[in-house]
Each structure stands twice: as C-alpha cells, then as structure tokens.
PDB file of all heavy atoms in Angstrom:
ATOM      1  N   LEU A   1      -5.835  47.503 -18.771  1.00  0.00           N
ATOM      2  CA  LEU A   1      -7.261  47.794 -18.593  1.00  0.00           C
ATOM      3  C   LEU A   1      -7.679  48.957 -19.478  1.00  0.00           C
ATOM      4  O   LEU A   1      -8.738  48.911 -20.123  1.00  0.00           O
ATOM      5  CB  LEU A   1      -7.546  48.114 -17.128  1.00  0.00           C
ATOM      6  CG  LEU A   1      -8.978  48.566 -16.814  1.00  0.00           C
ATOM      7  CD1 LEU A   1      -9.962  47.442 -17.062  1.00  0.00           C
ATOM      8  CD2 LEU A   1      -9.084  49.052 -15.365  1.00  0.00           C
ATOM      9  N   LEU A   2      -6.845  49.984 -19.531  1.00  0.00           N
ATOM     10  CA  LEU A   2      -7.161  51.145 -20.363  1.00  0.00           C
ATOM     11  C   LEU A   2      -7.227  50.758 -21.835  1.00  0.00           C
ATOM     12  O   LEU A   2      -8.157  51.146 -22.555  1.00  0.00           O
ATOM     13  CB  LEU A   2      -6.106  52.230 -20.144  1.00  0.00           C
ATOM     14  CG  LEU A   2      -6.320  53.548 -20.890  1.00  0.00           C
ATOM     15  CD1 LEU A   2      -7.627  54.199 -20.486  1.00  0.00           C
ATOM     16  CD2 LEU A   2      -5.147  54.490 -20.629  1.00  0.00           C
ATOM     17  N   GLU A   3      -6.270  49.957 -22.286  1.00  0.00           N
ATOM     18  CA  GLU A   3      -6.251  49.522 -23.688  1.00  0.00           C
ATOM     19  C   GLU A   3      -7.489  48.695 -24.013  1.00  0.00           C
ATOM     20  O   GLU A   3      -8.093  48.845 -25.074  1.00  0.00           O
ATOM     21  CB  GLU A   3      -4.985  48.713 -23.954  1.00  0.00           C
ATOM     22  CG  GLU A   3      -3.702  49.542 -23.921  1.00  0.00           C
ATOM     23  CD  GLU A   3      -2.460  48.676 -23.997  1.00  0.00           C
ATOM     24  OE1 GLU A   3      -2.614  47.434 -24.089  1.00  0.00           O
ATOM     25  OE2 GLU A   3      -1.343  49.218 -23.952  1.00  0.00           O
ATOM     26  N   SER A   4      -7.857  47.807 -23.097  1.00  0.00           N
ATOM     27  CA  SER A   4      -9.023  46.960 -23.339  1.00  0.00           C
ATOM     28  C   SER A   4     -10.298  47.789 -23.429  1.00  0.00           C
ATOM     29  O   SER A   4     -11.170  47.528 -24.267  1.00  0.00           O
ATOM     30  CB  SER A   4      -9.154  45.924 -22.216  1.00  0.00           C
ATOM     31  OG  SER A   4     -10.287  45.108 -22.413  1.00  0.00           O
ATOM     32  N   SER A   5     -10.390  48.814 -22.584  1.00  0.00           N
ATOM     33  CA  SER A   5     -11.602  49.641 -22.577  1.00  0.00           C
ATOM     34  C   SER A   5     -11.698  50.529 -23.813  1.00  0.00           C
ATOM     35  O   SER A   5     -12.784  50.991 -24.167  1.00  0.00           O
ATOM     36  CB  SER A   5     -11.632  50.517 -21.323  1.00  0.00           C
ATOM     37  OG  SER A   5     -10.589  51.481 -21.353  1.00  0.00           O
ATOM     38  N   GLN A   6     -10.581  50.747 -24.484  1.00  0.00           N
ATOM     39  CA  GLN A   6     -10.561  51.633 -25.649  1.00  0.00           C
ATOM     40  C   GLN A   6     -10.504  50.885 -26.978  1.00  0.00           C
ATOM     41  O   GLN A   6     -10.713  51.478 -28.031  1.00  0.00           O
ATOM     42  CB  GLN A   6      -9.367  52.587 -25.563  1.00  0.00           C
ATOM     43  CG  GLN A   6      -9.448  53.563 -24.399  1.00  0.00           C
ATOM     44  CD  GLN A   6      -8.225  54.451 -24.295  1.00  0.00           C
ATOM     45  OE1 GLN A   6      -7.166  54.122 -24.834  1.00  0.00           O
ATOM     46  NE2 GLN A   6      -8.344  55.568 -23.580  1.00  0.00           N
ATOM     47  N   SER A   7     -10.202  49.592 -26.914  1.00  0.00           N
ATOM     48  CA  SER A   7     -10.049  48.827 -28.153  1.00  0.00           C
ATOM     49  C   SER A   7     -11.375  48.251 -28.612  1.00  0.00           C
ATOM     50  O   SER A   7     -12.270  47.969 -27.810  1.00  0.00           O
ATOM     51  CB  SER A   7      -9.044  47.691 -27.957  1.00  0.00           C
ATOM     52  OG  SER A   7      -9.523  46.773 -26.985  1.00  0.00           O
ATOM     53  N   LEU A   8     -11.501  48.050 -29.896  1.00  0.00           N
ATOM     54  CA  LEU A   8     -12.683  47.419 -30.466  1.00  0.00           C
ATOM     55  C   LEU A   8     -12.512  45.914 -30.419  1.00  0.00           C
ATOM     56  O   LEU A   8     -11.430  45.384 -30.635  1.00  0.00           O
ATOM     57  CB  LEU A   8     -12.886  47.876 -31.915  1.00  0.00           C
ATOM     58  CG  LEU A   8     -13.183  49.360 -32.117  1.00  0.00           C
ATOM     59  CD1 LEU A   8     -13.247  49.663 -33.611  1.00  0.00           C
ATOM     60  CD2 LEU A   8     -14.487  49.745 -31.426  1.00  0.00           C
ATOM     61  N   SER A   9     -13.599  45.205 -30.118  1.00  0.00           N
ATOM     62  CA  SER A   9     -13.539  43.753 -30.056  1.00  0.00           C
ATOM     63  C   SER A   9     -13.316  43.150 -31.437  1.00  0.00           C
ATOM     64  O   SER A   9     -13.849  43.628 -32.428  1.00  0.00           O
ATOM     65  CB  SER A   9     -14.844  43.209 -29.461  1.00  0.00           C
ATOM     66  OG  SER A   9     -14.900  41.813 -29.592  1.00  0.00           O
ATOM     67  N   LEU A  10     -12.516  42.094 -31.473  1.00  0.00           N
ATOM     68  CA  LEU A  10     -12.244  41.416 -32.736  1.00  0.00           C
ATOM     69  C   LEU A  10     -13.352  40.436 -33.105  1.00  0.00           C
ATOM     70  O   LEU A  10     -13.504  40.068 -34.261  1.00  0.00           O
ATOM     71  CB  LEU A  10     -10.911  40.666 -32.643  1.00  0.00           C
ATOM     72  CG  LEU A  10      -9.669  41.530 -32.412  1.00  0.00           C
ATOM     73  CD1 LEU A  10      -8.444  40.638 -32.246  1.00  0.00           C
ATOM     74  CD2 LEU A  10      -9.465  42.505 -33.556  1.00  0.00           C
ATOM     75  N   PHE A  11     -14.110  39.978 -32.105  1.00  0.00           N
ATOM     76  CA  PHE A  11     -15.066  38.903 -32.359  1.00  0.00           C
ATOM     77  C   PHE A  11     -16.511  39.303 -32.114  1.00  0.00           C
ATOM     78  O   PHE A  11     -17.425  38.575 -32.455  1.00  0.00           O
ATOM     79  CB  PHE A  11     -14.733  37.709 -31.461  1.00  0.00           C
ATOM     80  CG  PHE A  11     -13.304  37.244 -31.619  1.00  0.00           C
ATOM     81  CD1 PHE A  11     -12.358  37.537 -30.644  1.00  0.00           C
ATOM     82  CD2 PHE A  11     -12.906  36.540 -32.743  1.00  0.00           C
ATOM     83  CE1 PHE A  11     -11.043  37.106 -30.786  1.00  0.00           C
ATOM     84  CE2 PHE A  11     -11.596  36.125 -32.894  1.00  0.00           C
ATOM     85  CZ  PHE A  11     -10.663  36.404 -31.922  1.00  0.00           C
ATOM     86  N   SER A  12     -16.749  40.432 -31.497  1.00  0.00           N
ATOM     87  CA  SER A  12     -18.122  40.843 -31.244  1.00  0.00           C
ATOM     88  C   SER A  12     -18.189  42.363 -31.161  1.00  0.00           C
ATOM     89  O   SER A  12     -17.174  43.041 -31.126  1.00  0.00           O
ATOM     90  CB  SER A  12     -18.621  40.237 -29.929  1.00  0.00           C
ATOM     91  OG  SER A  12     -17.891  40.770 -28.842  1.00  0.00           O
ATOM     92  N   ASP A  13     -19.400  42.878 -31.121  1.00  0.00           N
ATOM     93  CA  ASP A  13     -19.585  44.318 -31.037  1.00  0.00           C
ATOM     94  C   ASP A  13     -19.420  44.834 -29.618  1.00  0.00           C
ATOM     95  O   ASP A  13     -19.116  45.999 -29.402  1.00  0.00           O
ATOM     96  CB  ASP A  13     -20.976  44.696 -31.548  1.00  0.00           C
ATOM     97  CG  ASP A  13     -21.114  44.423 -33.035  1.00  0.00           C
ATOM     98  OD1 ASP A  13     -20.087  44.489 -33.732  1.00  0.00           O
ATOM     99  OD2 ASP A  13     -22.228  44.130 -33.474  1.00  0.00           O
ATOM    100  N   LYS A  14     -19.630  43.967 -28.635  1.00  0.00           N
ATOM    101  CA  LYS A  14     -19.601  44.391 -27.242  1.00  0.00           C
ATOM    102  C   LYS A  14     -18.764  43.440 -26.394  1.00  0.00           C
ATOM    103  O   LYS A  14     -18.725  42.247 -26.665  1.00  0.00           O
ATOM    104  CB  LYS A  14     -21.028  44.467 -26.681  1.00  0.00           C
ATOM    105  CG  LYS A  14     -21.936  45.452 -27.408  1.00  0.00           C
ATOM    106  CD  LYS A  14     -23.316  45.459 -26.785  1.00  0.00           C
ATOM    107  CE  LYS A  14     -24.234  46.449 -27.472  1.00  0.00           C
ATOM    108  NZ  LYS A  14     -25.580  46.468 -26.848  1.00  0.00           N
ATOM    109  N   GLN A  15     -18.124  43.989 -25.356  1.00  0.00           N
ATOM    110  CA  GLN A  15     -17.332  43.135 -24.481  1.00  0.00           C
ATOM    111  C   GLN A  15     -17.586  43.464 -23.013  1.00  0.00           C
ATOM    112  O   GLN A  15     -17.824  44.616 -22.637  1.00  0.00           O
ATOM    113  CB  GLN A  15     -15.842  43.254 -24.795  1.00  0.00           C
ATOM    114  CG  GLN A  15     -15.213  44.600 -24.495  1.00  0.00           C
ATOM    115  CD  GLN A  15     -13.705  44.578 -24.676  1.00  0.00           C
ATOM    116  OE1 GLN A  15     -13.085  43.524 -24.656  1.00  0.00           O
ATOM    117  NE2 GLN A  15     -13.100  45.741 -24.852  1.00  0.00           N
ATOM    118  N   LEU A  16     -17.526  42.429 -22.204  1.00  0.00           N
ATOM    119  CA  LEU A  16     -17.670  42.539 -20.766  1.00  0.00           C
ATOM    120  C   LEU A  16     -16.271  42.513 -20.142  1.00  0.00           C
ATOM    121  O   LEU A  16     -15.471  41.625 -20.445  1.00  0.00           O
ATOM    122  CB  LEU A  16     -18.497  41.366 -20.228  1.00  0.00           C
ATOM    123  CG  LEU A  16     -18.536  41.162 -18.712  1.00  0.00           C
ATOM    124  CD1 LEU A  16     -19.197  42.358 -18.030  1.00  0.00           C
ATOM    125  CD2 LEU A  16     -19.274  39.871 -18.371  1.00  0.00           C
ATOM    126  N   ILE A  17     -15.985  43.495 -19.310  1.00  0.00           N
ATOM    127  CA  ILE A  17     -14.692  43.573 -18.637  1.00  0.00           C
ATOM    128  C   ILE A  17     -14.932  43.435 -17.140  1.00  0.00           C
ATOM    129  O   ILE A  17     -15.734  44.179 -16.559  1.00  0.00           O
ATOM    130  CB  ILE A  17     -13.984  44.916 -18.930  1.00  0.00           C
ATOM    131  CG1 ILE A  17     -13.789  45.099 -20.431  1.00  0.00           C
ATOM    132  CG2 ILE A  17     -12.643  44.988 -18.201  1.00  0.00           C
ATOM    133  CD1 ILE A  17     -13.260  46.478 -20.817  1.00  0.00           C
ATOM    134  N   GLU A  18     -14.250  42.476 -16.508  1.00  0.00           N
ATOM    135  CA  GLU A  18     -14.374  42.271 -15.066  1.00  0.00           C
ATOM    136  C   GLU A  18     -13.043  42.592 -14.400  1.00  0.00           C
ATOM    137  O   GLU A  18     -11.994  42.115 -14.822  1.00  0.00           O
ATOM    138  CB  GLU A  18     -14.789  40.833 -14.756  1.00  0.00           C
ATOM    139  CG  GLU A  18     -16.165  40.484 -15.293  1.00  0.00           C
ATOM    140  CD  GLU A  18     -16.642  39.127 -14.835  1.00  0.00           C
ATOM    141  OE1 GLU A  18     -16.382  38.760 -13.674  1.00  0.00           O
ATOM    142  OE2 GLU A  18     -17.247  38.407 -15.652  1.00  0.00           O
ATOM    143  N   LEU A  19     -13.116  43.392 -13.357  1.00  0.00           N
ATOM    144  CA  LEU A  19     -11.917  43.824 -12.642  1.00  0.00           C
ATOM    145  C   LEU A  19     -12.058  43.453 -11.167  1.00  0.00           C
ATOM    146  O   LEU A  19     -12.986  43.901 -10.496  1.00  0.00           O
ATOM    147  CB  LEU A  19     -11.721  45.343 -12.787  1.00  0.00           C
ATOM    148  CG  LEU A  19     -10.579  45.968 -11.977  1.00  0.00           C
ATOM    149  CD1 LEU A  19      -9.228  45.431 -12.450  1.00  0.00           C
ATOM    150  CD2 LEU A  19     -10.624  47.491 -12.074  1.00  0.00           C
ATOM    151  N   HIS A  20     -11.120  42.634 -10.679  1.00  0.00           N
ATOM    152  CA  HIS A  20     -11.108  42.222  -9.273  1.00  0.00           C
ATOM    153  C   HIS A  20     -10.011  43.000  -8.535  1.00  0.00           C
ATOM    154  O   HIS A  20      -8.836  42.890  -8.878  1.00  0.00           O
ATOM    155  CB  HIS A  20     -10.842  40.726  -9.150  1.00  0.00           C
ATOM    156  CG  HIS A  20     -11.913  39.869  -9.760  1.00  0.00           C
ATOM    157  ND1 HIS A  20     -12.862  39.205  -8.998  1.00  0.00           N
ATOM    158  CD2 HIS A  20     -12.194  39.577 -11.051  1.00  0.00           C
ATOM    159  CE1 HIS A  20     -13.675  38.538  -9.796  1.00  0.00           C
ATOM    160  NE2 HIS A  20     -13.290  38.745 -11.058  1.00  0.00           N
ATOM    161  N   ILE A  21     -10.412  43.800  -7.551  1.00  0.00           N
ATOM    162  CA  ILE A  21      -9.456  44.544  -6.725  1.00  0.00           C
ATOM    163  C   ILE A  21      -9.522  43.929  -5.328  1.00  0.00           C
ATOM    164  O   ILE A  21     -10.367  44.294  -4.507  1.00  0.00           O
ATOM    165  CB  ILE A  21      -9.783  46.045  -6.681  1.00  0.00           C
ATOM    166  CG1 ILE A  21      -9.944  46.596  -8.103  1.00  0.00           C
ATOM    167  CG2 ILE A  21      -8.697  46.815  -5.940  1.00  0.00           C
ATOM    168  CD1 ILE A  21     -10.356  48.060  -8.157  1.00  0.00           C
ATOM    169  N   SER A  22      -8.641  42.968  -5.053  1.00  0.00           N
ATOM    170  CA  SER A  22      -8.771  42.132  -3.855  1.00  0.00           C
ATOM    171  C   SER A  22      -8.633  42.909  -2.554  1.00  0.00           C
ATOM    172  O   SER A  22      -9.229  42.535  -1.545  1.00  0.00           O
ATOM    173  CB  SER A  22      -7.733  41.001  -3.893  1.00  0.00           C
ATOM    174  OG  SER A  22      -6.426  41.525  -3.953  1.00  0.00           O
ATOM    175  N   ASN A  23      -7.857  44.005  -2.568  1.00  0.00           N
ATOM    176  CA  ASN A  23      -7.692  44.777  -1.332  1.00  0.00           C
ATOM    177  C   ASN A  23      -8.527  46.062  -1.316  1.00  0.00           C
ATOM    178  O   ASN A  23      -8.481  46.831  -0.355  1.00  0.00           O
ATOM    179  CB  ASN A  23      -6.216  45.136  -1.108  1.00  0.00           C
ATOM    180  CG  ASN A  23      -5.642  45.991  -2.232  1.00  0.00           C
ATOM    181  OD1 ASN A  23      -6.347  46.365  -3.171  1.00  0.00           O
ATOM    182  ND2 ASN A  23      -4.363  46.301  -2.140  1.00  0.00           N
ATOM    183  N   GLY A  24      -9.288  46.297  -2.391  1.00  0.00           N
ATOM    184  CA  GLY A  24     -10.140  47.474  -2.444  1.00  0.00           C
ATOM    185  C   GLY A  24      -9.402  48.780  -2.632  1.00  0.00           C
ATOM    186  O   GLY A  24      -9.985  49.858  -2.484  1.00  0.00           O
ATOM    187  N   LYS A  25      -8.104  48.700  -2.976  1.00  0.00           N
ATOM    188  CA  LYS A  25      -7.292  49.910  -3.122  1.00  0.00           C
ATOM    189  C   LYS A  25      -6.584  49.896  -4.477  1.00  0.00           C
ATOM    190  O   LYS A  25      -5.545  49.252  -4.629  1.00  0.00           O
ATOM    191  CB  LYS A  25      -6.270  49.989  -1.994  1.00  0.00           C
ATOM    192  CG  LYS A  25      -6.894  50.051  -0.598  1.00  0.00           C
ATOM    193  CD  LYS A  25      -5.829  50.031   0.486  1.00  0.00           C
ATOM    194  CE  LYS A  25      -6.452  50.073   1.872  1.00  0.00           C
ATOM    195  NZ  LYS A  25      -5.423  50.018   2.948  1.00  0.00           N
ATOM    196  N   PRO A  26      -7.131  50.575  -5.468  1.00  0.00           N
ATOM    197  CA  PRO A  26      -6.502  50.577  -6.796  1.00  0.00           C
ATOM    198  C   PRO A  26      -5.161  51.284  -6.838  1.00  0.00           C
ATOM    199  O   PRO A  26      -4.386  51.078  -7.770  1.00  0.00           O
ATOM    200  CB  PRO A  26      -7.534  51.294  -7.675  1.00  0.00           C
ATOM    201  CG  PRO A  26      -8.354  52.089  -6.730  1.00  0.00           C
ATOM    202  CD  PRO A  26      -8.392  51.320  -5.448  1.00  0.00           C
ATOM    203  N   GLY A  27      -4.861  52.123  -5.834  1.00  0.00           N
ATOM    204  CA  GLY A  27      -3.561  52.786  -5.804  1.00  0.00           C
ATOM    205  C   GLY A  27      -3.313  53.622  -7.047  1.00  0.00           C
ATOM    206  O   GLY A  27      -4.086  54.524  -7.377  1.00  0.00           O
ATOM    207  N   LYS A  28      -2.217  53.277  -7.760  1.00  0.00           N
ATOM    208  CA  LYS A  28      -1.873  54.023  -8.971  1.00  0.00           C
ATOM    209  C   LYS A  28      -2.929  53.874 -10.053  1.00  0.00           C
ATOM    210  O   LYS A  28      -2.966  54.658 -11.007  1.00  0.00           O
ATOM    211  CB  LYS A  28      -0.518  53.568  -9.497  1.00  0.00           C
ATOM    212  CG  LYS A  28       0.655  53.850  -8.553  1.00  0.00           C
ATOM    213  CD  LYS A  28       1.954  53.355  -9.145  1.00  0.00           C
ATOM    214  CE  LYS A  28       3.123  53.631  -8.213  1.00  0.00           C
ATOM    215  NZ  LYS A  28       4.421  53.123  -8.760  1.00  0.00           N
ATOM    216  N   GLY A  29      -3.771  52.876  -9.927  1.00  0.00           N
ATOM    217  CA  GLY A  29      -4.810  52.666 -10.938  1.00  0.00           C
ATOM    218  C   GLY A  29      -6.014  53.582 -10.780  1.00  0.00           C
ATOM    219  O   GLY A  29      -6.917  53.566 -11.616  1.00  0.00           O
ATOM    220  N   SER A  30      -6.022  54.380  -9.717  1.00  0.00           N
ATOM    221  CA  SER A  30      -7.159  55.281  -9.500  1.00  0.00           C
ATOM    222  C   SER A  30      -7.367  56.213 -10.691  1.00  0.00           C
ATOM    223  O   SER A  30      -8.496  56.422 -11.160  1.00  0.00           O
ATOM    224  CB  SER A  30      -6.941  56.096  -8.226  1.00  0.00           C
ATOM    225  OG  SER A  30      -6.821  55.257  -7.103  1.00  0.00           O
ATOM    226  N   ASP A  31      -6.262  56.783 -11.187  1.00  0.00           N
ATOM    227  CA  ASP A  31      -6.367  57.701 -12.326  1.00  0.00           C
ATOM    228  C   ASP A  31      -6.866  56.978 -13.571  1.00  0.00           C
ATOM    229  O   ASP A  31      -7.643  57.536 -14.359  1.00  0.00           O
ATOM    230  CB  ASP A  31      -5.006  58.343 -12.603  1.00  0.00           C
ATOM    231  CG  ASP A  31      -4.591  59.313 -11.503  1.00  0.00           C
ATOM    232  OD1 ASP A  31      -5.473  59.761 -10.748  1.00  0.00           O
ATOM    233  OD2 ASP A  31      -3.382  59.595 -11.392  1.00  0.00           O
ATOM    234  N   THR A  32      -6.420  55.725 -13.737  1.00  0.00           N
ATOM    235  CA  THR A  32      -6.860  54.944 -14.902  1.00  0.00           C
ATOM    236  C   THR A  32      -8.361  54.691 -14.841  1.00  0.00           C
ATOM    237  O   THR A  32      -9.075  54.851 -15.840  1.00  0.00           O
ATOM    238  CB  THR A  32      -6.104  53.612 -14.973  1.00  0.00           C
ATOM    239  OG1 THR A  32      -4.703  53.855 -15.027  1.00  0.00           O
ATOM    240  CG2 THR A  32      -6.533  52.809 -16.192  1.00  0.00           C
ATOM    241  N   LEU A  33      -8.843  54.284 -13.673  1.00  0.00           N
ATOM    242  CA  LEU A  33     -10.273  54.042 -13.522  1.00  0.00           C
ATOM    243  C   LEU A  33     -11.073  55.313 -13.790  1.00  0.00           C
ATOM    244  O   LEU A  33     -12.098  55.284 -14.481  1.00  0.00           O
ATOM    245  CB  LEU A  33     -10.569  53.532 -12.107  1.00  0.00           C
ATOM    246  CG  LEU A  33     -10.339  52.046 -11.841  1.00  0.00           C
ATOM    247  CD1 LEU A  33     -10.572  51.729 -10.365  1.00  0.00           C
ATOM    248  CD2 LEU A  33     -11.253  51.193 -12.706  1.00  0.00           C
ATOM    249  N   THR A  34     -10.605  56.419 -13.253  1.00  0.00           N
ATOM    250  CA  THR A  34     -11.290  57.691 -13.466  1.00  0.00           C
ATOM    251  C   THR A  34     -11.319  58.048 -14.947  1.00  0.00           C
ATOM    252  O   THR A  34     -12.334  58.527 -15.476  1.00  0.00           O
ATOM    253  CB  THR A  34     -10.600  58.814 -12.676  1.00  0.00           C
ATOM    254  OG1 THR A  34     -10.536  58.442 -11.293  1.00  0.00           O
ATOM    255  CG2 THR A  34     -11.365  60.111 -12.805  1.00  0.00           C
ATOM    256  N   GLN A  35     -10.211  57.784 -15.637  1.00  0.00           N
ATOM    257  CA  GLN A  35     -10.140  58.070 -17.073  1.00  0.00           C
ATOM    258  C   GLN A  35     -11.088  57.176 -17.861  1.00  0.00           C
ATOM    259  O   GLN A  35     -11.777  57.640 -18.779  1.00  0.00           O
ATOM    260  CB  GLN A  35      -8.703  57.878 -17.566  1.00  0.00           C
ATOM    261  CG  GLN A  35      -8.501  58.198 -19.044  1.00  0.00           C
ATOM    262  CD  GLN A  35      -7.052  58.024 -19.467  1.00  0.00           C
ATOM    263  OE1 GLN A  35      -6.155  57.835 -18.645  1.00  0.00           O
ATOM    264  NE2 GLN A  35      -6.820  58.070 -20.762  1.00  0.00           N
ATOM    265  N   VAL A  36     -11.109  55.893 -17.524  1.00  0.00           N
ATOM    266  CA  VAL A  36     -11.992  54.949 -18.220  1.00  0.00           C
ATOM    267  C   VAL A  36     -13.454  55.349 -18.055  1.00  0.00           C
ATOM    268  O   VAL A  36     -14.262  55.255 -18.994  1.00  0.00           O
ATOM    269  CB  VAL A  36     -11.756  53.521 -17.689  1.00  0.00           C
ATOM    270  CG1 VAL A  36     -12.850  52.575 -18.200  1.00  0.00           C
ATOM    271  CG2 VAL A  36     -10.391  53.014 -18.116  1.00  0.00           C
ATOM    272  N   LEU A  37     -13.809  55.816 -16.849  1.00  0.00           N
ATOM    273  CA  LEU A  37     -15.203  56.106 -16.542  1.00  0.00           C
ATOM    274  C   LEU A  37     -15.618  57.523 -16.930  1.00  0.00           C
ATOM    275  O   LEU A  37     -16.800  57.854 -16.888  1.00  0.00           O
ATOM    276  CB  LEU A  37     -15.451  55.893 -15.051  1.00  0.00           C
ATOM    277  CG  LEU A  37     -15.262  54.447 -14.576  1.00  0.00           C
ATOM    278  CD1 LEU A  37     -15.298  54.369 -13.059  1.00  0.00           C
ATOM    279  CD2 LEU A  37     -16.337  53.556 -15.186  1.00  0.00           C
ATOM    280  N   ALA A  38     -14.655  58.353 -17.319  1.00  0.00           N
ATOM    281  CA  ALA A  38     -14.987  59.726 -17.711  1.00  0.00           C
ATOM    282  C   ALA A  38     -15.857  59.743 -18.963  1.00  0.00           C
ATOM    283  O   ALA A  38     -16.775  60.557 -19.077  1.00  0.00           O
ATOM    284  CB  ALA A  38     -13.707  60.529 -17.938  1.00  0.00           C
ATOM    285  N   ALA A  39     -15.552  58.834 -19.887  1.00  0.00           N
ATOM    286  CA  ALA A  39     -16.331  58.737 -21.128  1.00  0.00           C
ATOM    287  C   ALA A  39     -16.462  57.263 -21.483  1.00  0.00           C
ATOM    288  O   ALA A  39     -15.819  56.774 -22.418  1.00  0.00           O
ATOM    289  CB  ALA A  39     -15.659  59.508 -22.250  1.00  0.00           C
ATOM    290  N   PRO A  40     -17.261  56.507 -20.746  1.00  0.00           N
ATOM    291  CA  PRO A  40     -17.372  55.061 -20.971  1.00  0.00           C
ATOM    292  C   PRO A  40     -17.943  54.732 -22.345  1.00  0.00           C
ATOM    293  O   PRO A  40     -18.863  55.388 -22.824  1.00  0.00           O
ATOM    294  CB  PRO A  40     -18.307  54.596 -19.858  1.00  0.00           C
ATOM    295  CG  PRO A  40     -19.083  55.808 -19.474  1.00  0.00           C
ATOM    296  CD  PRO A  40     -18.160  56.962 -19.670  1.00  0.00           C
ATOM    297  N   SER A  41     -17.376  53.709 -22.960  1.00  0.00           N
ATOM    298  CA  SER A  41     -17.848  53.282 -24.273  1.00  0.00           C
ATOM    299  C   SER A  41     -19.150  52.487 -24.133  1.00  0.00           C
ATOM    300  O   SER A  41     -19.265  51.631 -23.250  1.00  0.00           O
ATOM    301  CB  SER A  41     -16.788  52.405 -24.948  1.00  0.00           C
ATOM    302  OG  SER A  41     -17.328  51.764 -26.087  1.00  0.00           O
ATOM    303  N   PRO A  42     -20.134  52.724 -24.974  1.00  0.00           N
ATOM    304  CA  PRO A  42     -21.386  51.954 -24.918  1.00  0.00           C
ATOM    305  C   PRO A  42     -21.189  50.496 -25.312  1.00  0.00           C
ATOM    306  O   PRO A  42     -22.081  49.675 -25.099  1.00  0.00           O
ATOM    307  CB  PRO A  42     -22.286  52.690 -25.914  1.00  0.00           C
ATOM    308  CG  PRO A  42     -21.341  53.375 -26.852  1.00  0.00           C
ATOM    309  CD  PRO A  42     -20.162  53.760 -26.032  1.00  0.00           C
ATOM    310  N   ASP A  43     -20.019  50.196 -25.905  1.00  0.00           N
ATOM    311  CA  ASP A  43     -19.743  48.818 -26.314  1.00  0.00           C
ATOM    312  C   ASP A  43     -19.033  48.027 -25.219  1.00  0.00           C
ATOM    313  O   ASP A  43     -18.699  46.859 -25.420  1.00  0.00           O
ATOM    314  CB  ASP A  43     -18.874  48.809 -27.574  1.00  0.00           C
ATOM    315  CG  ASP A  43     -19.610  49.390 -28.769  1.00  0.00           C
ATOM    316  OD1 ASP A  43     -20.848  49.247 -28.814  1.00  0.00           O
ATOM    317  OD2 ASP A  43     -18.960  49.981 -29.642  1.00  0.00           O
TER     318      ASP A  43
END
C-alpha cells in the first residue's frame, strides 16, 4: 500500500486506491496509514 501510494502511475496521471479492512482493525498497518496520510499525493 505504501509503495502504491508513493509510486507514479505508468498509464495515467492519477490513480484510485481502494483499501478494504474487513475487521476494522489495521493493526500493524496503523503506522503505514498514518504515514500515507501525513502528506497525501494529489495524484
């Protein structure tokens, strides 16, 4: 998820990322989500 949020798209200028957290508990991913959202890319 972190790599996808930081990488440039090969086929378009913008990309939509969908994340399904079925139990509502990201666990170890909490830090990753916080990092991704600290400086979200406009693309």
